[in-house]
């Protein structure tokens, strides 16, 4: 009887241990201090490089932030967007949302080189991109937050997923809500993260239809944009315009003020304030910059948690543009 009781206890203990291990695998958590001992100068190394790059070209801050968005929306924040195409490998850089517009790869490569000198083989490209995105926002006057790290790098990429998962400039409000919901982000997260368009520029080909065909647009604003974005397709397609006409190189809440004034550059911008379910959120952010800042940082942390590779999954790339 006693031996049966002992066996029952042993079985219970083993079961609990196995469950515990499984839970640890499922709940592998990113932490803000993952590299505290293995690469103590990581944050200062990234920050210095980002500051230098953004001071040289203000637009670069927006470009790096956009890289992080486009990375996380395709199979999670795993650095897959950084992988270059080769004769035997098709990555995400030539997917429709990235072709001729994704940029800043050289900055990430330079940061990776500096980090490798300090801590070889320790820090993932996925984490470098996450930290650089935060630093880009801060350098341009936006809010700061603690970046969770511990991601590993993907050995694969998906051009098909990039084409289908990344919201485009002609997205409707329901499409935006659905795209963000698919990766676990709420409608409020979506509006806050759209506020990243307070910095950066867009190509004429992305807003031509809006400035010539849409009616929910400030007339003077449309006329101004038409001067450098001709109506004819193929003419001036790459000409740039600021996503935030008021303060293009400062991270603030003017993007939302512009939406209220019908001066959103992209169709996917103005749908956030067009008589729909998100009008109240936009109006709130337009009048309360601290509300926008706190929601934006919370949403950035949440987005950074999308399907990271941890533990023994993936790898730590030696160079961000190719697998080991």
Protein backbone atom coordinates (compact mmCIF):
# COMPACT_ATOMS: atom_id res chain seq x y z
CA UNK A 1 0.00 0.00 0.00
CA UNK A 2 2.79 2.37 1.01
CA UNK A 3 4.73 1.58 -2.16
CA UNK A 4 1.62 2.31 -4.30
CA UNK A 5 1.24 5.61 -2.47
CA UNK A 6 4.91 6.43 -3.10
CA UNK A 7 4.55 5.58 -6.81
CA UNK A 8 1.48 7.85 -7.04
CA UNK A 9 3.44 10.71 -5.49
CA UNK A 10 6.37 10.14 -7.86
CA UNK A 11 4.03 10.11 -10.87
CA UNK A 12 2.45 13.35 -9.67
CA UNK A 13 5.85 15.00 -9.15
CA UNK A 14 7.08 13.94 -12.61
CA UNK A 15 3.83 15.18 -14.21
CA UNK A 16 4.15 18.55 -12.48
CA UNK A 17 7.79 18.85 -13.55
CA UNK A 18 6.91 18.10 -17.16
CA UNK A 19 4.06 20.61 -17.05
CA UNK A 20 6.43 23.16 -15.56
CA UNK A 21 8.94 22.63 -18.36
CA UNK A 22 6.21 22.94 -20.98
CA UNK A 23 4.95 26.12 -19.39
CA UNK A 24 8.46 27.57 -19.43
CA UNK A 25 8.71 26.78 -23.13
CA UNK A 26 5.35 28.36 -23.84
CA UNK A 27 5.94 31.38 -21.65
CA UNK A 28 9.55 32.14 -22.63
CA UNK A 29 9.62 35.80 -21.73
CA UNK A 30 11.58 38.68 -23.19
CA UNK A 31 13.16 40.86 -20.51
CA UNK A 32 14.64 44.35 -20.41
CA UNK A 33 17.91 43.13 -18.83
CA UNK A 34 18.60 40.08 -21.03
CA UNK A 35 22.05 41.39 -22.04
CA UNK A 36 22.91 43.11 -18.75
CA UNK A 37 25.94 40.88 -18.14
CA UNK A 38 26.60 39.39 -21.60
CA UNK A 39 26.72 42.76 -23.41
CA UNK A 40 26.60 45.60 -20.84
CA UNK A 41 27.37 48.38 -23.37
CA UNK A 42 24.71 47.31 -25.86
CA UNK A 43 22.24 50.14 -25.28
CA UNK A 44 24.84 52.92 -25.40
CA UNK A 45 26.39 51.41 -28.55
CA UNK A 46 23.06 51.32 -30.38
CA UNK A 47 22.03 54.75 -29.14
CA UNK A 48 25.23 56.43 -30.33
CA UNK A 49 24.93 54.89 -33.81
CA UNK A 50 21.25 55.79 -34.17
CA UNK A 51 21.87 59.35 -32.99
CA UNK A 52 24.65 59.75 -35.53
CA UNK A 53 22.56 58.32 -38.39
CA UNK A 54 19.46 60.39 -37.59
CA UNK A 55 21.46 63.59 -37.12
CA UNK A 56 22.96 62.98 -40.57
CA UNK A 57 19.52 62.40 -42.10
CA UNK A 58 16.40 63.10 -40.04
CA UNK A 59 14.27 60.82 -42.22
CA UNK A 60 16.37 57.82 -41.15
CA UNK A 61 14.61 57.70 -37.77
CA UNK A 62 11.28 57.04 -39.48
CA UNK A 63 12.90 54.52 -41.82
CA UNK A 64 14.27 52.44 -38.93
CA UNK A 65 10.96 52.60 -37.05
CA UNK A 66 9.16 51.41 -40.21
CA UNK A 67 11.60 48.50 -40.59
CA UNK A 68 10.63 47.32 -37.12
CA UNK A 69 6.89 47.52 -37.94
CA UNK A 70 7.38 45.59 -41.15
CA UNK A 71 9.52 42.99 -39.39
CA UNK A 72 7.04 42.32 -36.59
CA UNK A 73 4.01 42.03 -38.91
CA UNK A 74 5.59 39.14 -40.84
CA UNK A 75 5.91 36.03 -38.63
CA UNK A 76 6.87 38.10 -35.59
CA UNK A 77 9.80 40.33 -34.60
CA UNK A 78 12.54 38.00 -35.82
CA UNK A 79 14.80 40.13 -38.03
CA UNK A 80 13.53 38.39 -41.17
CA UNK A 81 13.15 41.70 -43.04
CA UNK A 82 16.91 42.23 -42.77
CA UNK A 83 17.78 39.13 -44.83
CA UNK A 84 19.01 40.01 -48.33
CA UNK A 85 17.82 38.18 -51.42
CA UNK A 86 20.34 35.80 -53.01
CA UNK A 87 20.25 33.52 -56.04
CA UNK A 88 18.91 30.75 -53.80
CA UNK A 89 16.92 32.76 -51.24
CA UNK A 90 13.97 35.13 -51.61
CA UNK A 91 13.48 37.40 -48.62
CA UNK A 92 11.00 40.15 -47.76
CA UNK A 93 12.84 43.22 -49.01
CA UNK A 94 11.28 43.06 -52.48
CA UNK A 95 7.75 42.40 -51.29
CA UNK A 96 5.34 45.13 -52.45
CA UNK A 97 5.22 47.00 -49.11
CA UNK A 98 9.06 47.11 -48.96
CA UNK A 99 10.28 47.43 -52.57
CA UNK A 100 11.74 50.89 -53.27
CA UNK A 101 10.67 52.10 -49.82
CA UNK A 102 12.19 50.01 -47.01
CA UNK A 103 15.50 51.60 -46.07
CA UNK A 104 17.96 51.88 -43.19
CA UNK A 105 19.46 48.40 -43.64
CA UNK A 106 22.94 49.91 -43.77
CA UNK A 107 22.41 51.61 -40.41
CA UNK A 108 21.37 48.33 -38.79
CA UNK A 109 24.37 46.60 -40.40
CA UNK A 110 26.70 49.27 -38.99
CA UNK A 111 25.19 48.91 -35.52
CA UNK A 112 25.54 45.13 -35.72
CA UNK A 113 29.25 45.49 -36.63
CA UNK A 114 29.84 47.75 -33.62
CA UNK A 115 27.93 45.40 -31.30
CA UNK A 116 29.82 42.36 -32.65
CA UNK A 117 33.12 44.04 -31.80
CA UNK A 118 31.96 44.58 -28.22
CA UNK A 119 30.10 41.27 -27.72
CA UNK A 120 30.65 38.79 -30.55
CA UNK A 121 27.87 36.29 -31.20
CA UNK A 122 25.63 37.49 -28.38
CA UNK A 123 23.05 40.02 -29.60
CA UNK A 124 20.47 39.24 -32.28
CA UNK A 125 19.72 41.49 -35.23
CA UNK A 126 16.04 41.33 -34.22
CA UNK A 127 16.89 42.92 -30.86
CA UNK A 128 19.17 45.52 -32.44
CA UNK A 129 16.29 46.60 -34.69
CA UNK A 130 13.89 46.78 -31.72
CA UNK A 131 16.29 48.97 -29.73
CA UNK A 132 17.15 51.14 -32.75
CA UNK A 133 13.42 51.77 -33.38
CA UNK A 134 13.00 53.06 -29.82
CA UNK A 135 16.14 55.20 -30.06
CA UNK A 136 14.93 56.68 -33.36
CA UNK A 137 11.70 57.85 -31.70
CA UNK A 138 13.61 59.35 -28.76
CA UNK A 139 16.16 61.19 -30.95
CA UNK A 140 13.29 62.84 -32.83
CA UNK A 141 11.72 64.09 -29.59
CA UNK A 142 9.31 61.24 -28.88
CA UNK A 143 8.70 59.18 -25.73
CA UNK A 144 11.15 56.70 -24.21
CA UNK A 145 10.43 53.17 -23.02
CA UNK A 146 12.31 50.10 -21.84
CA UNK A 147 12.77 47.69 -24.75
CA UNK A 148 12.31 44.02 -23.94
CA UNK A 149 15.02 41.85 -25.51
CA UNK A 150 16.04 38.21 -25.80
CA UNK A 151 14.80 37.58 -29.35
CA UNK A 152 16.72 35.35 -31.72
CA UNK A 153 17.03 35.73 -35.49
CA UNK A 154 14.98 33.83 -38.05
CA UNK A 155 16.72 31.61 -40.56
CA UNK A 156 13.86 32.13 -43.01
CA UNK A 157 11.73 34.92 -44.43
CA UNK A 158 8.41 35.10 -46.30
CA UNK A 159 7.81 37.45 -49.20
CA UNK A 160 4.26 36.07 -49.48
CA UNK A 161 3.49 36.88 -45.84
CA UNK A 162 4.99 40.36 -46.26
CA UNK A 163 2.69 40.96 -49.23
CA UNK A 164 -0.40 39.80 -47.35
CA UNK A 165 0.22 40.85 -43.72
CA UNK A 166 1.58 44.41 -43.89
CA UNK A 167 -1.21 47.03 -44.10
CA UNK A 168 -0.98 49.18 -47.24
CA UNK A 169 -1.60 52.89 -47.88
CA UNK A 170 -5.00 52.22 -49.47
CA UNK A 171 -6.30 50.12 -46.54
CA UNK A 172 -9.80 50.77 -45.26
CA UNK A 173 -10.49 51.20 -41.55
CA UNK A 174 -11.90 47.67 -41.29
CA UNK A 175 -8.82 46.27 -43.07
CA UNK A 176 -6.51 48.11 -40.67
CA UNK A 177 -8.43 46.89 -37.63
CA UNK A 178 -8.34 43.33 -39.00
CA UNK A 179 -4.58 43.42 -39.86
CA UNK A 180 -3.64 44.60 -36.40
CA UNK A 181 -6.07 42.25 -34.69
CA UNK A 182 -4.46 39.33 -36.54
CA UNK A 183 -1.21 39.97 -34.63
CA UNK A 184 -2.91 40.61 -31.29
CA UNK A 185 -3.09 44.41 -31.41
CA UNK A 186 -6.27 46.29 -30.51
CA UNK A 187 -7.96 49.07 -32.46
CA UNK A 188 -6.55 51.58 -29.98
CA UNK A 189 -3.07 50.08 -30.46
CA UNK A 190 -3.56 50.47 -34.22
CA UNK A 191 -4.46 54.16 -33.99
CA UNK A 192 -1.58 54.86 -31.59
CA UNK A 193 0.94 53.02 -33.79
CA UNK A 194 -0.38 54.85 -36.86
CA UNK A 195 0.85 57.95 -35.05
CA UNK A 196 4.35 56.86 -36.13
CA UNK A 197 3.38 58.74 -39.31
CA UNK A 198 4.17 61.90 -37.37
CA UNK A 199 7.64 61.37 -38.87
CA UNK A 200 8.88 60.23 -42.25
CA UNK A 201 7.88 60.64 -45.87
CA UNK A 202 5.86 58.80 -48.48
CA UNK A 203 6.21 58.33 -52.23
CA UNK A 204 3.79 59.97 -54.65
CA UNK A 205 2.63 56.57 -55.87
CA UNK A 206 1.22 55.86 -52.38
CA UNK A 207 -0.93 59.00 -52.12
CA UNK A 208 -1.67 60.02 -55.73
CA UNK A 209 -5.20 58.57 -55.73
CA UNK A 210 -6.03 60.35 -52.48
CA UNK A 211 -4.96 63.85 -53.52
CA UNK A 212 -6.73 63.68 -56.90
CA UNK A 213 -9.81 61.53 -56.27
CA UNK A 214 -10.91 61.80 -52.64
CA UNK A 215 -13.23 64.42 -51.19
CA UNK A 216 -12.45 64.10 -47.47
CA UNK A 217 -9.30 66.17 -47.96
CA UNK A 218 -8.44 69.80 -47.24
CA UNK A 219 -8.45 71.54 -50.64
CA UNK A 220 -5.37 73.68 -50.04
CA UNK A 221 -3.48 70.64 -48.74
CA UNK A 222 -4.42 68.61 -51.83
CA UNK A 223 -3.29 71.43 -54.13
CA UNK A 224 0.06 71.68 -52.36
CA UNK A 225 0.68 67.95 -52.69
CA UNK A 226 -0.36 67.93 -56.35
CA UNK A 227 2.48 70.35 -57.19
CA UNK A 228 5.07 67.61 -56.67
CA UNK A 229 2.94 64.54 -57.42
CA UNK A 230 1.62 64.64 -61.01
CA UNK A 231 -1.67 62.92 -61.81
CA UNK A 232 -0.19 60.66 -64.51
CA UNK A 233 1.03 57.26 -63.31
CA UNK A 234 4.75 56.87 -63.97
CA UNK A 235 5.41 60.58 -63.62
CA UNK A 236 7.08 61.54 -60.35
CA UNK A 237 6.18 58.24 -58.70
CA UNK A 238 9.17 58.47 -56.34
CA UNK A 239 8.67 62.11 -55.35
CA UNK A 240 8.43 62.41 -51.58
CA UNK A 241 6.06 64.28 -49.29
CA UNK A 242 6.02 64.43 -45.47
CA UNK A 243 3.45 62.22 -43.75
CA UNK A 244 3.05 65.01 -41.19
CA UNK A 245 2.87 68.31 -43.06
CA UNK A 246 3.27 70.33 -39.84
CA UNK A 247 6.40 68.92 -38.14
CA UNK A 248 7.82 66.27 -40.44
CA UNK A 249 10.97 65.58 -38.43
CA UNK A 250 9.56 65.78 -34.90
CA UNK A 251 7.79 62.97 -33.07
CA UNK A 252 4.66 64.66 -31.68
CA UNK A 253 0.87 64.53 -31.92
CA UNK A 254 0.51 66.84 -34.95
CA UNK A 255 -0.29 63.83 -37.12
CA UNK A 256 -3.63 63.53 -35.31
CA UNK A 257 -4.30 67.28 -35.53
CA UNK A 258 -3.74 66.96 -39.28
CA UNK A 259 -6.30 64.14 -39.49
CA UNK A 260 -8.92 66.26 -37.72
CA UNK A 261 -8.18 68.99 -40.31
CA UNK A 262 -8.48 66.43 -43.18
CA UNK A 263 -4.79 66.70 -43.97
CA UNK A 264 -3.90 63.03 -43.74
CA UNK A 265 -1.53 62.18 -46.59
CA UNK A 266 -2.47 58.52 -47.11
CA UNK A 267 -5.94 57.07 -47.52
CA UNK A 268 -5.05 54.74 -44.63
CA UNK A 269 -4.29 57.79 -42.49
CA UNK A 270 -7.50 59.72 -43.09
CA UNK A 271 -9.76 56.67 -42.61
CA UNK A 272 -8.85 56.92 -38.92
CA UNK A 273 -10.84 60.17 -38.80
CA UNK A 274 -13.71 59.92 -41.26
CA UNK A 275 -16.91 59.47 -39.27
CA UNK A 276 -15.98 55.98 -38.07
CA UNK A 277 -15.29 54.13 -34.83
CA UNK A 278 -11.81 55.59 -34.33
CA UNK A 279 -12.71 59.29 -34.59
CA UNK A 280 -12.87 59.68 -30.81
CA UNK A 281 -9.42 58.14 -30.32
CA UNK A 282 -7.90 60.46 -32.94
CA UNK A 283 -9.60 63.49 -31.39
CA UNK A 284 -8.32 62.46 -27.96
CA UNK A 285 -4.72 62.14 -29.17
CA UNK A 286 -4.96 65.44 -31.06
CA UNK A 287 -5.77 67.30 -27.86
CA UNK A 288 -3.79 65.21 -25.36
CA UNK A 289 -0.18 64.51 -26.42
CA UNK A 290 0.66 62.65 -23.20
CA UNK A 291 -2.22 60.22 -23.84
CA UNK A 292 -0.80 59.52 -27.30
CA UNK A 293 2.73 59.06 -25.92
CA UNK A 294 1.69 56.58 -23.24
CA UNK A 295 -0.52 54.57 -25.60
CA UNK A 296 2.16 54.57 -28.30
CA UNK A 297 4.85 53.22 -25.98
CA UNK A 298 2.50 50.54 -24.60
CA UNK A 299 1.59 49.50 -28.15
CA UNK A 300 5.25 49.40 -29.22
CA UNK A 301 6.06 47.07 -26.31
CA UNK A 302 3.06 44.93 -27.21
CA UNK A 303 4.08 44.81 -30.88
CA UNK A 304 7.62 43.85 -29.87
CA UNK A 305 6.14 40.78 -28.14
CA UNK A 306 4.71 39.34 -31.37
CA UNK A 307 5.95 35.75 -31.84
CA UNK A 308 9.60 36.17 -30.86
CA UNK A 309 12.06 33.33 -31.38
CA UNK A 310 13.63 32.50 -28.01
CA UNK A 311 15.60 29.78 -26.30
CA UNK A 312 17.20 27.53 -28.93
CA UNK A 313 14.93 28.61 -31.80
CA UNK A 314 16.52 30.52 -34.67
CA UNK A 315 20.08 31.79 -34.34
CA UNK A 316 22.22 34.80 -33.50
CA UNK A 317 23.31 36.02 -36.91
CA UNK A 318 26.89 37.20 -37.39
CA UNK A 319 25.70 39.56 -40.12
CA UNK A 320 22.14 40.83 -40.31
CA UNK A 321 21.79 40.43 -44.08
CA UNK A 322 22.37 36.69 -44.18
CA UNK A 323 21.97 33.58 -42.08
CA UNK A 324 25.03 31.97 -40.51
